[in-house]
């Protein structure tokens, strides 16, 4: 099994700079999206540090085809290391004070036909399989906590004034709540990693409609970004699509 991927990252229509960052290394099955926050371009620093740390920490490990449990532990350790480094940088200079980032890391283990995810914040991972779109990650946000408690509906959460208020992010505390997800990979699976600049304006039904035409990853990613901008583009938009390809087919 191999993987083909394509990423598109756009500033959107209301922001002056892009604080998103992403990583795509299909040869070893490593992918990530980070959405930075903080003034004076500090968000760009935080998201860039997160992606650089993931790449430096995990590439060599995944190239050795680790067992799934070892891969999951390595993902968690990489996210913890990114958090440590961002916290240190945020405390070292006034320009970086208060910076942070989301981070969603996906490892596709072709040798074991499984995937592993480590996740902090409200960037998301989805899986499109057999015409069904499944959200793999949970938003670490104030509104999602209230949806889970039955105090808000998903529709109310999307338009709530505090919809963007994170309860988890890298760089804000020494301890970070890292959520993990595990599952199997099948031929023709399509994984989507994205920042909330996409999902703030497109709901899951929109994503399924736009992804369900079987377009190649590059065309599908461009289509998602274009649609988000047509709906106002209120934030940076990053889309990373990965398709599993059966080499024997």
Protein backbone atom coordinates (compact mmCIF):
# COMPACT_ATOMS: atom_id res chain seq x y z
CA UNK A 1 0.00 0.00 0.00
CA UNK A 2 1.24 3.48 -0.88
CA UNK A 3 -0.13 6.98 -0.32
CA UNK A 4 -0.72 9.94 -2.59
CA UNK A 5 -1.30 13.34 -1.05
CA UNK A 6 -1.83 16.98 -1.83
CA UNK A 7 -1.97 20.04 0.41
CA UNK A 8 -3.38 23.51 -0.12
CA UNK A 9 -2.93 26.34 2.38
CA UNK A 10 -4.51 29.75 1.86
CA UNK A 11 -4.50 32.97 3.90
CA UNK A 12 -8.24 33.40 3.46
CA UNK A 13 -9.99 36.69 2.83
CA UNK A 14 -9.78 38.39 6.21
CA UNK A 15 -6.28 37.63 7.52
CA UNK A 16 -3.05 39.35 6.49
CA UNK A 17 -0.76 36.38 7.03
CA UNK A 18 -1.02 32.61 7.17
CA UNK A 19 -0.33 31.10 10.60
CA UNK A 20 -1.13 27.54 9.48
CA UNK A 21 1.59 24.99 8.73
CA UNK A 22 1.52 21.44 7.43
CA UNK A 23 3.70 18.40 6.81
CA UNK A 24 3.27 15.78 4.09
CA UNK A 25 5.75 12.91 3.79
CA UNK A 26 3.81 10.22 1.91
CA UNK A 27 6.84 7.96 1.45
CA UNK A 28 6.89 7.22 5.18
CA UNK A 29 3.22 7.95 5.91
CA UNK A 30 3.67 11.06 8.07
CA UNK A 31 1.26 13.99 7.86
CA UNK A 32 0.36 16.90 10.14
CA UNK A 33 -1.54 20.18 10.29
CA UNK A 34 -0.96 23.00 12.80
CA UNK A 35 -2.90 26.24 13.28
CA UNK A 36 -0.91 28.88 15.15
CA UNK A 37 -2.14 31.69 17.37
CA UNK A 38 -0.48 34.75 18.85
CA UNK A 39 0.29 38.34 17.89
CA UNK A 40 3.22 39.76 15.89
CA UNK A 41 3.49 36.62 13.71
CA UNK A 42 4.06 34.48 16.82
CA UNK A 43 1.38 32.09 15.61
CA UNK A 44 3.51 31.34 12.56
CA UNK A 45 6.45 30.64 14.85
CA UNK A 46 4.45 28.23 17.02
CA UNK A 47 2.91 26.26 14.16
CA UNK A 48 6.25 26.12 12.35
CA UNK A 49 7.98 24.82 15.47
CA UNK A 50 5.33 22.14 15.94
CA UNK A 51 5.66 20.88 12.38
CA UNK A 52 9.48 20.98 12.46
CA UNK A 53 9.55 19.03 15.72
CA UNK A 54 7.19 16.37 14.39
CA UNK A 55 9.26 15.96 11.24
CA UNK A 56 12.60 15.80 13.07
CA UNK A 57 11.31 13.41 15.74
CA UNK A 58 9.19 11.00 13.71
CA UNK A 59 10.60 10.63 10.20
CA UNK A 60 13.43 8.29 11.14
CA UNK A 61 11.21 6.30 13.50
CA UNK A 62 8.50 5.70 10.89
CA UNK A 63 11.04 4.79 8.22
CA UNK A 64 11.96 1.80 10.41
CA UNK A 65 8.35 0.49 10.21
CA UNK A 66 7.62 0.33 13.94
CA UNK A 67 4.89 -1.74 15.55
CA UNK A 68 1.62 0.23 15.91
CA UNK A 69 1.89 0.66 19.70
CA UNK A 70 5.45 1.96 19.36
CA UNK A 71 4.35 4.35 16.61
CA UNK A 72 1.54 5.70 18.79
CA UNK A 73 3.94 6.26 21.69
CA UNK A 74 6.34 8.05 19.35
CA UNK A 75 3.57 10.36 18.11
CA UNK A 76 2.62 11.30 21.66
CA UNK A 77 6.26 11.90 22.59
CA UNK A 78 6.73 14.13 19.55
CA UNK A 79 3.71 16.25 20.46
CA UNK A 80 4.93 16.53 24.04
CA UNK A 81 8.34 17.66 22.80
CA UNK A 82 6.74 20.25 20.52
CA UNK A 83 4.77 21.57 23.48
CA UNK A 84 7.92 21.82 25.61
CA UNK A 85 9.83 23.71 22.95
CA UNK A 86 6.99 26.13 22.21
CA UNK A 87 6.49 26.83 25.93
CA UNK A 88 10.19 27.60 26.26
CA UNK A 89 10.15 29.89 23.24
CA UNK A 90 7.01 31.67 24.44
CA UNK A 91 8.70 32.45 27.74
CA UNK A 92 11.99 33.58 26.24
CA UNK A 93 10.89 36.78 24.50
CA UNK A 94 8.06 39.27 24.73
CA UNK A 95 7.37 38.96 21.00
CA UNK A 96 6.48 35.30 21.45
CA UNK A 97 4.54 35.60 24.72
CA UNK A 98 1.16 33.88 24.54
CA UNK A 99 1.84 32.03 21.32
CA UNK A 100 0.47 28.55 20.77
CA UNK A 101 -0.80 26.17 18.14
CA UNK A 102 -3.08 23.27 17.46
CA UNK A 103 -1.50 20.09 16.12
CA UNK A 104 -2.99 17.03 14.47
CA UNK A 105 -0.50 14.32 13.47
CA UNK A 106 -1.40 11.30 11.33
CA UNK A 107 0.88 8.29 10.84
CA UNK A 108 -0.14 5.77 8.18
CA UNK A 109 1.62 2.46 8.81
CA UNK A 110 1.46 0.74 5.43
CA UNK A 111 3.29 -2.37 6.66
CA UNK A 112 0.60 -2.95 9.32
CA UNK A 113 -2.38 -1.46 7.41
CA UNK A 114 -3.27 0.76 10.37
CA UNK A 115 -3.22 4.47 11.20
CA UNK A 116 -2.41 6.33 14.40
CA UNK A 117 -3.28 9.93 15.34
CA UNK A 118 -2.11 12.31 18.06
CA UNK A 119 -4.20 15.46 18.39
CA UNK A 120 -4.39 18.72 20.36
CA UNK A 121 -6.76 21.61 19.63
CA UNK A 122 -9.43 22.06 16.97
CA UNK A 123 -7.75 21.17 13.72
CA UNK A 124 -9.38 17.97 12.51
CA UNK A 125 -8.82 14.58 10.92
CA UNK A 126 -11.52 12.86 8.86
CA UNK A 127 -11.78 9.55 7.02
CA UNK A 128 -13.87 9.09 3.87
CA UNK A 129 -14.54 5.39 3.29
CA UNK A 130 -17.19 3.75 1.11
CA UNK A 131 -19.07 7.03 0.76
CA UNK A 132 -19.21 7.71 4.52
CA UNK A 133 -17.30 10.57 6.15
CA UNK A 134 -16.18 10.00 9.75
CA UNK A 135 -14.67 12.67 11.97
CA UNK A 136 -11.74 10.99 13.72
CA UNK A 137 -10.75 13.75 16.16
CA UNK A 138 -12.62 15.69 18.81
CA UNK A 139 -12.36 19.49 18.98
CA UNK A 140 -10.76 20.66 22.21
CA UNK A 141 -12.99 23.73 22.52
CA UNK A 142 -15.35 25.30 25.01
CA UNK A 143 -18.34 24.76 22.73
CA UNK A 144 -17.49 21.09 22.07
CA UNK A 145 -17.43 20.45 25.83
CA UNK A 146 -20.96 21.85 26.00
CA UNK A 147 -22.11 19.83 23.01
CA UNK A 148 -20.80 16.70 24.75
CA UNK A 149 -22.69 17.70 27.91
CA UNK A 150 -25.94 18.23 25.97
CA UNK A 151 -25.96 21.98 26.62
CA UNK A 152 -25.51 23.02 22.98
CA UNK A 153 -26.43 21.45 19.68
CA UNK A 154 -23.71 21.13 17.02
CA UNK A 155 -25.54 23.80 15.01
CA UNK A 156 -25.55 26.20 17.98
CA UNK A 157 -21.87 25.49 18.61
CA UNK A 158 -20.88 26.45 15.06
CA UNK A 159 -22.32 29.98 15.39
CA UNK A 160 -21.61 30.54 19.09
CA UNK A 161 -19.53 33.68 19.93
CA UNK A 162 -17.05 31.43 21.77
CA UNK A 163 -16.81 28.82 19.00
CA UNK A 164 -13.07 29.43 18.58
CA UNK A 165 -12.21 29.29 22.29
CA UNK A 166 -9.72 26.44 22.71
CA UNK A 167 -9.46 24.27 25.80
CA UNK A 168 -6.32 22.56 24.49
CA UNK A 169 -3.31 23.90 22.58
CA UNK A 170 0.45 23.53 22.47
CA UNK A 171 2.48 26.24 24.17
CA UNK A 172 -0.06 27.37 26.76
CA UNK A 173 0.74 24.95 29.60
CA UNK A 174 3.54 22.60 30.55
CA UNK A 175 1.10 19.69 30.56
CA UNK A 176 -0.91 19.06 27.42
CA UNK A 177 -3.94 16.80 26.88
CA UNK A 178 -3.06 14.69 23.85
CA UNK A 179 -5.92 12.70 22.36
CA UNK A 180 -5.08 9.56 20.38
CA UNK A 181 -7.01 7.71 17.69
CA UNK A 182 -6.32 4.32 16.08
CA UNK A 183 -7.84 2.39 13.21
CA UNK A 184 -7.25 0.30 10.12
CA UNK A 185 -6.41 1.44 6.57
CA UNK A 186 -8.18 0.07 3.51
CA UNK A 187 -7.47 0.68 -0.18
CA UNK A 188 -9.11 3.87 -1.48
CA UNK A 189 -9.46 5.37 2.01
CA UNK A 190 -9.24 9.17 1.85
CA UNK A 191 -7.93 11.00 4.91
CA UNK A 192 -8.48 14.73 5.40
CA UNK A 193 -6.46 16.88 7.79
CA UNK A 194 -7.54 20.51 8.04
CA UNK A 195 -7.43 23.66 10.10
CA UNK A 196 -10.59 25.24 11.45
CA UNK A 197 -10.56 27.83 8.69
CA UNK A 198 -12.22 25.09 6.65
CA UNK A 199 -14.60 23.60 9.20
CA UNK A 200 -15.76 26.94 10.59
CA UNK A 201 -17.61 27.57 7.32
CA UNK A 202 -18.17 24.04 5.94
CA UNK A 203 -19.99 21.43 8.00
CA UNK A 204 -19.49 17.69 7.68
CA UNK A 205 -22.28 17.38 5.12
CA UNK A 206 -20.57 20.02 2.98
CA UNK A 207 -17.27 18.16 3.21
CA UNK A 208 -18.87 14.88 2.18
CA UNK A 209 -20.57 16.52 -0.78
CA UNK A 210 -17.36 18.16 -1.98
CA UNK A 211 -15.17 15.10 -1.44
CA UNK A 212 -17.56 12.49 -2.73
CA UNK A 213 -16.98 12.98 -6.45
CA UNK A 214 -13.79 10.93 -6.56
CA UNK A 215 -11.58 13.82 -7.62
CA UNK A 216 -7.80 13.40 -7.31
CA UNK A 217 -6.39 14.90 -4.09
CA UNK A 218 -5.02 18.05 -5.74
CA UNK A 219 -8.35 18.98 -7.34
CA UNK A 220 -10.34 18.07 -4.24
CA UNK A 221 -8.10 20.14 -1.94
CA UNK A 222 -8.35 23.17 -4.23
CA UNK A 223 -12.11 22.73 -4.36
CA UNK A 224 -12.41 22.76 -0.56
CA UNK A 225 -10.27 25.89 -0.20
CA UNK A 226 -12.21 27.68 -2.94
CA UNK A 227 -15.52 26.85 -1.28
CA UNK A 228 -14.31 28.10 2.11
CA UNK A 229 -13.24 31.38 0.52
CA UNK A 230 -16.56 31.70 -1.28
CA UNK A 231 -18.20 31.53 2.15
CA UNK A 232 -16.15 34.44 3.43
CA UNK A 233 -12.74 32.93 4.15
CA UNK A 234 -12.70 34.29 7.73
CA UNK A 235 -9.52 32.45 8.72
CA UNK A 236 -6.48 30.73 7.25
CA UNK A 237 -7.48 27.55 5.42
CA UNK A 238 -5.30 24.46 5.23
CA UNK A 239 -6.38 21.21 3.59
CA UNK A 240 -4.27 18.05 3.41
CA UNK A 241 -5.73 15.04 1.59
CA UNK A 242 -4.19 11.58 1.59
CA UNK A 243 -5.44 8.61 -0.41
CA UNK A 244 -4.43 5.00 0.25
CA UNK A 245 -3.52 3.18 -2.94
CA UNK A 246 -3.37 -0.60 -3.28
CA UNK A 247 -0.15 -1.38 -5.14
CA UNK A 248 -1.53 -4.75 -6.21
CA UNK A 249 -4.57 -3.25 -7.92
